[in-house]
Amino acid sequence: MSTINDLVPLVLDRIEESRTNPIFWDVQKEIMVFLVEAMNEAALITGEPEIRYSNSLTTSSQLTLPANQTVMTFSGDVPLFGMMRLESSGQVKKTTVWDMDRMLPGWENDTGDAPDFWFPIGLTMFGIHPQLVAPVTVIVSGIAEPIPIPRPYTGVEPCDFQEEYREAFVDYAALTASLKEGTSEFQQSIRVYDRFISKMQELSKFASRKGSLRFSRTMGTPAAVTPVELR
């Protein structure tokens, strides 16, 4: 697995800077930051990599859902900013509050032994159906920051993406660097961003959660919305 240090020389080559003694660019404060920004952009576009919730207090990747509660919040050592999957004895189906109201009026009062539906509420909260009669242990997965540590970066942070996509992060970092140069250098680098977007589209298709295309260059990331019916 590549680290940030492995990608830095490639970025320096792209911007025609010395690998051993950069003059115009600060490797730690600029180049490494650009690479981490590229990974964050990739995570938001593609939903990769998918991370399991973890909690060192219980040394477990499992979360216990309390009884008699519909809406709850999750937190842990790996803070998820987008919940993607919930698994109990099997995968729990994702839905929306609007669909629950439409399909099962009065669903808030239903009780059961295991969740059969879950729905997101914002970024850090979610709800389940039915309410549990006893606590149940589940596994929560979602999108987390690829590099979940603050600056300054040391360079040993891993690039937790498939190796064939690391060139895209070099493209993005070189594009960001061109903003400092401005003028014609930046204008010429637009096609580099186009190449980055193409690789992210490819990664979206490759991702394990590709029930439907999650990203396209014309429509962005599809997201479930509350439909409006005309009467």
C-alpha atoms as a PDB file:
ATOM      1  CA  MET A   1       0.000   0.000   0.000  1.00  0.00           C
ATOM      2  CA  SER A   2       1.327   3.417  -0.952  1.00  0.00           C
ATOM      3  CA  THR A   3       1.921   6.169   1.575  1.00  0.00           C
ATOM      4  CA  ILE A   4       1.892   9.927   1.086  1.00  0.00           C
ATOM      5  CA  ASN A   5       5.695   9.831   0.902  1.00  0.00           C
ATOM      6  CA  ASP A   6       5.435   7.561  -2.137  1.00  0.00           C
ATOM      7  CA  LEU A   7       3.243  10.077  -3.974  1.00  0.00           C
ATOM      8  CA  VAL A   8       5.129  13.274  -3.124  1.00  0.00           C
ATOM      9  CA  PRO A   9       7.990  12.710  -5.647  1.00  0.00           C
ATOM     10  CA  LEU A  10       5.446  12.079  -8.407  1.00  0.00           C
ATOM     11  CA  VAL A  11       3.741  15.386  -7.689  1.00  0.00           C
ATOM     12  CA  LEU A  12       7.090  17.222  -7.636  1.00  0.00           C
ATOM     13  CA  ASP A  13       7.889  15.743 -11.040  1.00  0.00           C
ATOM     14  CA  ARG A  14       4.559  16.963 -12.416  1.00  0.00           C
ATOM     15  CA  ILE A  15       5.145  20.549 -11.288  1.00  0.00           C
ATOM     16  CA  GLU A  16       8.786  20.420 -12.449  1.00  0.00           C
ATOM     17  CA  GLU A  17      10.215  20.816  -8.962  1.00  0.00           C
ATOM     18  CA  SER A  18      13.332  19.186  -7.501  1.00  0.00           C
ATOM     19  CA  ARG A  19      12.661  15.963  -5.596  1.00  0.00           C
ATOM     20  CA  THR A  20      15.636  16.386  -3.265  1.00  0.00           C
ATOM     21  CA  ASN A  21      15.613  20.128  -2.603  1.00  0.00           C
ATOM     22  CA  PRO A  22      12.293  21.805  -3.537  1.00  0.00           C
ATOM     23  CA  ILE A  23      12.625  25.572  -3.864  1.00  0.00           C
ATOM     24  CA  PHE A  24       9.141  26.895  -4.604  1.00  0.00           C
ATOM     25  CA  TRP A  25       7.039  24.350  -2.719  1.00  0.00           C
ATOM     26  CA  ASP A  26       6.878  23.252   0.918  1.00  0.00           C
ATOM     27  CA  VAL A  27       6.452  19.466   0.865  1.00  0.00           C
ATOM     28  CA  GLN A  28       4.819  19.106   4.278  1.00  0.00           C
ATOM     29  CA  LYS A  29       2.668  22.250   4.297  1.00  0.00           C
ATOM     30  CA  GLU A  30       1.632  22.194   0.649  1.00  0.00           C
ATOM     31  CA  ILE A  31       2.269  19.008  -1.366  1.00  0.00           C
ATOM     32  CA  MET A  32       1.158  16.590   1.376  1.00  0.00           C
ATOM     33  CA  VAL A  33      -1.896  18.721   2.094  1.00  0.00           C
ATOM     34  CA  PHE A  34      -2.847  18.685  -1.606  1.00  0.00           C
ATOM     35  CA  LEU A  35      -2.612  14.885  -1.670  1.00  0.00           C
ATOM     36  CA  VAL A  36      -4.819  14.494   1.411  1.00  0.00           C
ATOM     37  CA  GLU A  37      -7.321  16.896  -0.148  1.00  0.00           C
ATOM     38  CA  ALA A  38      -7.350  14.672  -3.235  1.00  0.00           C
ATOM     39  CA  MET A  39      -8.168  11.617  -1.119  1.00  0.00           C
ATOM     40  CA  ASN A  40     -10.953  13.483   0.680  1.00  0.00           C
ATOM     41  CA  GLU A  41     -12.405  14.505  -2.680  1.00  0.00           C
ATOM     42  CA  ALA A  42     -12.247  10.892  -3.859  1.00  0.00           C
ATOM     43  CA  ALA A  43     -14.052   9.656  -0.740  1.00  0.00           C
ATOM     44  CA  LEU A  44     -16.886  12.151  -1.212  1.00  0.00           C
ATOM     45  CA  ILE A  45     -17.273  11.322  -4.898  1.00  0.00           C
ATOM     46  CA  THR A  46     -17.063   7.539  -4.733  1.00  0.00           C
ATOM     47  CA  GLY A  47     -17.907   6.530  -1.156  1.00  0.00           C
ATOM     48  CA  GLU A  48     -14.646   4.612  -0.999  1.00  0.00           C
ATOM     49  CA  PRO A  49     -13.093   3.286   1.082  1.00  0.00           C
ATOM     50  CA  GLU A  50     -15.963   1.926   3.166  1.00  0.00           C
ATOM     51  CA  ILE A  51     -14.951   1.859   6.850  1.00  0.00           C
ATOM     52  CA  ARG A  52     -16.466  -0.158   9.660  1.00  0.00           C
ATOM     53  CA  TYR A  53     -17.412   1.620  12.867  1.00  0.00           C
ATOM     54  CA  SER A  54     -14.946   0.828  15.638  1.00  0.00           C
ATOM     55  CA  ASN A  55     -14.758   1.500  19.367  1.00  0.00           C
ATOM     56  CA  SER A  56     -11.618   0.840  21.418  1.00  0.00           C
ATOM     57  CA  LEU A  57     -13.628   0.838  24.655  1.00  0.00           C
ATOM     58  CA  THR A  58     -15.194  -2.438  23.610  1.00  0.00           C
ATOM     59  CA  THR A  59     -12.360  -3.505  21.235  1.00  0.00           C
ATOM     60  CA  SER A  60     -15.091  -4.261  18.742  1.00  0.00           C
ATOM     61  CA  SER A  61     -16.384  -3.142  15.361  1.00  0.00           C
ATOM     62  CA  GLN A  62     -19.938  -3.756  16.563  1.00  0.00           C
ATOM     63  CA  LEU A  63     -22.542  -1.301  17.804  1.00  0.00           C
ATOM     64  CA  THR A  64     -25.306  -2.152  20.258  1.00  0.00           C
ATOM     65  CA  LEU A  65     -28.718  -0.724  19.401  1.00  0.00           C
ATOM     66  CA  PRO A  66     -30.755   0.028  22.540  1.00  0.00           C
ATOM     67  CA  ALA A  67     -34.288  -1.200  23.120  1.00  0.00           C
ATOM     68  CA  ASN A  68     -37.368   1.033  22.829  1.00  0.00           C
ATOM     69  CA  GLN A  69     -35.623   3.653  20.686  1.00  0.00           C
ATOM     70  CA  THR A  70     -36.187   4.602  17.059  1.00  0.00           C
ATOM     71  CA  VAL A  71     -33.560   7.305  16.446  1.00  0.00           C
ATOM     72  CA  MET A  72     -29.949   7.068  17.618  1.00  0.00           C
ATOM     73  CA  THR A  73     -26.488   8.556  17.114  1.00  0.00           C
ATOM     74  CA  PHE A  74     -23.285   6.691  16.355  1.00  0.00           C
ATOM     75  CA  SER A  75     -19.727   7.689  17.272  1.00  0.00           C
ATOM     76  CA  GLY A  76     -16.436   5.880  17.731  1.00  0.00           C
ATOM     77  CA  ASP A  77     -12.706   5.868  17.067  1.00  0.00           C
ATOM     78  CA  VAL A  78     -13.471   5.969  13.334  1.00  0.00           C
ATOM     79  CA  PRO A  79     -15.976   8.848  13.003  1.00  0.00           C
ATOM     80  CA  LEU A  80     -18.200   8.249  10.002  1.00  0.00           C
ATOM     81  CA  PHE A  81     -19.497  11.295   8.149  1.00  0.00           C
ATOM     82  CA  GLY A  82     -21.772   9.216   5.955  1.00  0.00           C
ATOM     83  CA  MET A  83     -23.445   5.979   7.044  1.00  0.00           C
ATOM     84  CA  MET A  84     -23.778   3.497   4.190  1.00  0.00           C
ATOM     85  CA  ARG A  85     -24.667   0.062   5.574  1.00  0.00           C
ATOM     86  CA  LEU A  86     -26.168  -1.599   8.626  1.00  0.00           C
ATOM     87  CA  GLU A  87     -25.916  -5.357   9.193  1.00  0.00           C
ATOM     88  CA  SER A  88     -27.633  -7.505  11.787  1.00  0.00           C
ATOM     89  CA  SER A  89     -28.185 -11.212  11.113  1.00  0.00           C
ATOM     90  CA  GLY A  90     -28.154 -10.059   7.481  1.00  0.00           C
ATOM     91  CA  GLN A  91     -28.022  -6.736   5.691  1.00  0.00           C
ATOM     92  CA  VAL A  92     -30.764  -4.376   6.874  1.00  0.00           C
ATOM     93  CA  LYS A  93     -32.580  -2.626   4.029  1.00  0.00           C
ATOM     94  CA  LYS A  94     -32.034   1.114   3.692  1.00  0.00           C
ATOM     95  CA  THR A  95     -35.085   3.335   3.253  1.00  0.00           C
ATOM     96  CA  THR A  96     -36.335   6.867   4.003  1.00  0.00           C
ATOM     97  CA  VAL A  97     -38.739   8.303   6.552  1.00  0.00           C
ATOM     98  CA  TRP A  98     -41.070   9.287   3.698  1.00  0.00           C
ATOM     99  CA  ASP A  99     -41.193   5.702   2.407  1.00  0.00           C
ATOM    100  CA  MET A 100     -41.854   4.382   5.916  1.00  0.00           C
ATOM    101  CA  ASP A 101     -44.798   6.750   6.313  1.00  0.00           C
ATOM    102  CA  ARG A 102     -46.107   5.733   2.902  1.00  0.00           C
ATOM    103  CA  MET A 103     -45.715   1.965   3.280  1.00  0.00           C
ATOM    104  CA  LEU A 104     -46.304   1.462   6.997  1.00  0.00           C
ATOM    105  CA  PRO A 105     -48.490   4.147   8.601  1.00  0.00           C
ATOM    106  CA  GLY A 106     -47.967   4.109  12.357  1.00  0.00           C
ATOM    107  CA  TRP A 107     -44.605   2.339  12.005  1.00  0.00           C
ATOM    108  CA  GLU A 108     -43.186   4.327  14.934  1.00  0.00           C
ATOM    109  CA  ASN A 109     -45.114   2.111  17.355  1.00  0.00           C
ATOM    110  CA  ASP A 110     -44.014  -1.236  15.870  1.00  0.00           C
ATOM    111  CA  THR A 111     -41.756  -3.485  17.953  1.00  0.00           C
ATOM    112  CA  GLY A 112     -39.656  -6.513  17.082  1.00  0.00           C
ATOM    113  CA  ASP A 113     -36.602  -8.618  17.839  1.00  0.00           C
ATOM    114  CA  ALA A 114     -34.368  -7.295  15.013  1.00  0.00           C
ATOM    115  CA  PRO A 115     -34.286  -4.263  12.692  1.00  0.00           C
ATOM    116  CA  ASP A 116     -35.616  -4.776   9.175  1.00  0.00           C
ATOM    117  CA  PHE A 117     -35.218  -1.191   7.876  1.00  0.00           C
ATOM    118  CA  TRP A 118     -32.896   1.720   8.624  1.00  0.00           C
ATOM    119  CA  PHE A 119     -32.913   5.307   7.399  1.00  0.00           C
ATOM    120  CA  PRO A 120     -30.335   8.119   7.668  1.00  0.00           C
ATOM    121  CA  ILE A 121     -31.018  11.357   9.516  1.00  0.00           C
ATOM    122  CA  GLY A 122     -28.363  13.908   8.628  1.00  0.00           C
ATOM    123  CA  LEU A 123     -24.787  12.644   8.850  1.00  0.00           C
ATOM    124  CA  THR A 124     -24.460  11.336  12.404  1.00  0.00           C
ATOM    125  CA  MET A 125     -27.922  10.014  13.227  1.00  0.00           C
ATOM    126  CA  PHE A 126     -30.092   7.190  11.914  1.00  0.00           C
ATOM    127  CA  GLY A 127     -33.356   5.470  12.699  1.00  0.00           C
ATOM    128  CA  ILE A 128     -34.537   1.867  12.607  1.00  0.00           C
ATOM    129  CA  HIS A 129     -37.775  -0.053  12.232  1.00  0.00           C
ATOM    130  CA  PRO A 130     -39.103  -1.642  14.334  1.00  0.00           C
ATOM    131  CA  GLN A 131     -38.198  -0.525  17.849  1.00  0.00           C
ATOM    132  CA  LEU A 132     -36.337  -3.345  19.559  1.00  0.00           C
ATOM    133  CA  VAL A 133     -37.731  -5.214  22.553  1.00  0.00           C
ATOM    134  CA  ALA A 134     -34.146  -5.972  23.642  1.00  0.00           C
ATOM    135  CA  PRO A 135     -30.711  -4.584  22.680  1.00  0.00           C
ATOM    136  CA  VAL A 136     -29.281  -5.958  19.428  1.00  0.00           C
ATOM    137  CA  THR A 137     -25.671  -5.907  18.216  1.00  0.00           C
ATOM    138  CA  VAL A 138     -25.149  -4.686  14.645  1.00  0.00           C
ATOM    139  CA  ILE A 139     -22.291  -3.672  12.354  1.00  0.00           C
ATOM    140  CA  VAL A 140     -22.274  -0.136  10.931  1.00  0.00           C
ATOM    141  CA  SER A 141     -20.207   0.823   7.874  1.00  0.00           C
ATOM    142  CA  GLY A 142     -19.817   4.136   6.141  1.00  0.00           C
ATOM    143  CA  ILE A 143     -17.544   6.802   4.701  1.00  0.00           C
ATOM    144  CA  ALA A 144     -14.783   8.208   6.893  1.00  0.00           C
ATOM    145  CA  GLU A 145     -11.912  10.574   6.280  1.00  0.00           C
ATOM    146  CA  PRO A 146      -9.130   8.669   4.452  1.00  0.00           C
ATOM    147  CA  ILE A 147      -6.529  10.429   6.638  1.00  0.00           C
ATOM    148  CA  PRO A 148      -8.313  10.999   9.976  1.00  0.00           C
ATOM    149  CA  ILE A 149      -5.496  12.951  11.653  1.00  0.00           C
ATOM    150  CA  PRO A 150      -4.819  16.704  11.758  1.00  0.00           C
ATOM    151  CA  ARG A 151      -1.936  18.532  10.114  1.00  0.00           C
ATOM    152  CA  PRO A 152       1.017  18.497   9.897  1.00  0.00           C
ATOM    153  CA  TYR A 153       1.279  15.193   8.053  1.00  0.00           C
ATOM    154  CA  THR A 154       4.413  13.095   8.402  1.00  0.00           C
ATOM    155  CA  GLY A 155       4.195  11.307   5.061  1.00  0.00           C
ATOM    156  CA  VAL A 156       3.781   7.811   6.510  1.00  0.00           C
ATOM    157  CA  GLU A 157      -0.021   8.048   6.350  1.00  0.00           C
ATOM    158  CA  PRO A 158      -1.360   5.280   4.067  1.00  0.00           C
ATOM    159  CA  CYS A 159      -3.217   5.876   0.823  1.00  0.00           C
ATOM    160  CA  ASP A 160      -6.069   3.467   1.509  1.00  0.00           C
ATOM    161  CA  PHE A 161      -7.200   3.143  -2.112  1.00  0.00           C
ATOM    162  CA  GLN A 162      -6.371   0.636  -4.828  1.00  0.00           C
ATOM    163  CA  GLU A 163      -2.918   1.222  -6.270  1.00  0.00           C
ATOM    164  CA  GLU A 164      -4.238   1.797  -9.781  1.00  0.00           C
ATOM    165  CA  TYR A 165      -5.966   4.993  -8.630  1.00  0.00           C
ATOM    166  CA  ARG A 166      -3.053   6.678  -6.916  1.00  0.00           C
ATOM    167  CA  GLU A 167      -2.096   8.433 -10.160  1.00  0.00           C
ATOM    168  CA  ALA A 168      -5.388  10.322  -9.926  1.00  0.00           C
ATOM    169  CA  PHE A 169      -4.331  11.816  -6.580  1.00  0.00           C
ATOM    170  CA  VAL A 170      -1.097  12.985  -8.159  1.00  0.00           C
ATOM    171  CA  ASP A 171      -3.177  14.655 -10.893  1.00  0.00           C
ATOM    172  CA  TYR A 172      -5.359  16.434  -8.345  1.00  0.00           C
ATOM    173  CA  ALA A 173      -2.383  17.613  -6.277  1.00  0.00           C
ATOM    174  CA  ALA A 174      -0.654  18.960  -9.391  1.00  0.00           C
ATOM    175  CA  LEU A 175      -3.853  20.791 -10.356  1.00  0.00           C
ATOM    176  CA  THR A 176      -4.125  22.361  -6.906  1.00  0.00           C
ATOM    177  CA  ALA A 177      -0.492  23.430  -7.086  1.00  0.00           C
ATOM    178  CA  SER A 178      -1.160  25.121 -10.408  1.00  0.00           C
ATOM    179  CA  LEU A 179      -3.586  27.487  -8.649  1.00  0.00           C
ATOM    180  CA  LYS A 180      -0.541  29.079  -7.021  1.00  0.00           C
ATOM    181  CA  GLU A 181       1.086  29.560 -10.408  1.00  0.00           C
ATOM    182  CA  GLY A 182      -2.079  30.896 -12.044  1.00  0.00           C
ATOM    183  CA  THR A 183      -2.356  32.242 -15.609  1.00  0.00           C
ATOM    184  CA  SER A 184      -1.668  29.809 -18.438  1.00  0.00           C
ATOM    185  CA  GLU A 185      -0.295  27.031 -16.186  1.00  0.00           C
ATOM    186  CA  PHE A 186      -3.625  26.753 -14.422  1.00  0.00           C
ATOM    187  CA  GLN A 187      -5.621  26.892 -17.656  1.00  0.00           C
ATOM    188  CA  GLN A 188      -3.552  24.080 -19.121  1.00  0.00           C
ATOM    189  CA  SER A 189      -4.061  21.975 -15.999  1.00  0.00           C
ATOM    190  CA  ILE A 190      -7.864  21.831 -16.396  1.00  0.00           C
ATOM    191  CA  ARG A 191      -7.487  18.715 -18.531  1.00  0.00           C
ATOM    192  CA  VAL A 192      -5.606  17.159 -15.592  1.00  0.00           C
ATOM    193  CA  TYR A 193      -8.699  17.630 -13.425  1.00  0.00           C
ATOM    194  CA  ASP A 194     -10.755  16.092 -16.210  1.00  0.00           C
ATOM    195  CA  ARG A 195      -8.518  13.037 -15.977  1.00  0.00           C
ATOM    196  CA  PHE A 196      -9.001  12.905 -12.193  1.00  0.00           C
ATOM    197  CA  ILE A 197     -12.787  13.003 -12.618  1.00  0.00           C
ATOM    198  CA  SER A 198     -12.631  10.164 -15.150  1.00  0.00           C
ATOM    199  CA  LYS A 199     -10.673   7.987 -12.713  1.00  0.00           C
ATOM    200  CA  MET A 200     -13.162   8.723  -9.932  1.00  0.00           C
ATOM    201  CA  GLN A 201     -15.996   7.678 -12.208  1.00  0.00           C
ATOM    202  CA  GLU A 202     -14.120   4.443 -12.858  1.00  0.00           C
ATOM    203  CA  LEU A 203     -13.602   3.901  -9.120  1.00  0.00           C
ATOM    204  CA  SER A 204     -17.309   4.468  -8.498  1.00  0.00           C
ATOM    205  CA  LYS A 205     -18.165   1.685 -10.928  1.00  0.00           C
ATOM    206  CA  PHE A 206     -15.590  -0.615  -9.380  1.00  0.00           C
ATOM    207  CA  ALA A 207     -16.741  -0.045  -5.806  1.00  0.00           C
ATOM    208  CA  SER A 208     -18.402  -2.922  -4.012  1.00  0.00           C
ATOM    209  CA  ARG A 209     -21.568  -0.918  -3.312  1.00  0.00           C
ATOM    210  CA  LYS A 210     -22.453  -0.308  -6.959  1.00  0.00           C
ATOM    211  CA  GLY A 211     -26.137  -1.162  -6.949  1.00  0.00           C
ATOM    212  CA  SER A 212     -26.426   1.907  -9.196  1.00  0.00           C
ATOM    213  CA  LEU A 213     -23.932   4.345 -10.635  1.00  0.00           C
ATOM    214  CA  ARG A 214     -23.004   6.607  -7.730  1.00  0.00           C
ATOM    215  CA  PHE A 215     -21.155   9.192  -9.745  1.00  0.00           C
ATOM    216  CA  SER A 216     -21.268  10.526 -13.260  1.00  0.00           C
ATOM    217  CA  ARG A 217     -19.668  13.554 -14.795  1.00  0.00           C
ATOM    218  CA  THR A 218     -23.031  15.085 -15.581  1.00  0.00           C
ATOM    219  CA  MET A 219     -25.156  14.222 -12.563  1.00  0.00           C
ATOM    220  CA  GLY A 220     -22.763  14.018  -9.609  1.00  0.00           C
ATOM    221  CA  THR A 221     -23.516  11.699  -6.719  1.00  0.00           C
ATOM    222  CA  PRO A 222     -27.083  10.352  -6.786  1.00  0.00           C
ATOM    223  CA  ALA A 223     -28.761  10.837  -3.398  1.00  0.00           C
ATOM    224  CA  ALA A 224     -32.152   9.714  -2.173  1.00  0.00           C
ATOM    225  CA  VAL A 225     -34.536  12.628  -1.839  1.00  0.00           C
ATOM    226  CA  THR A 226     -38.088  12.982  -0.636  1.00  0.00           C
ATOM    227  CA  PRO A 227     -40.274  12.806  -3.748  1.00  0.00           C
ATOM    228  CA  VAL A 228     -43.073  15.336  -4.194  1.00  0.00           C
ATOM    229  CA  GLU A 229     -46.389  14.152  -5.578  1.00  0.00           C
ATOM    230  CA  LEU A 230     -48.630  16.489  -7.554  1.00  0.00           C
ATOM    231  CA  ARG A 231     -52.331  16.234  -6.840  1.00  0.00           C
END
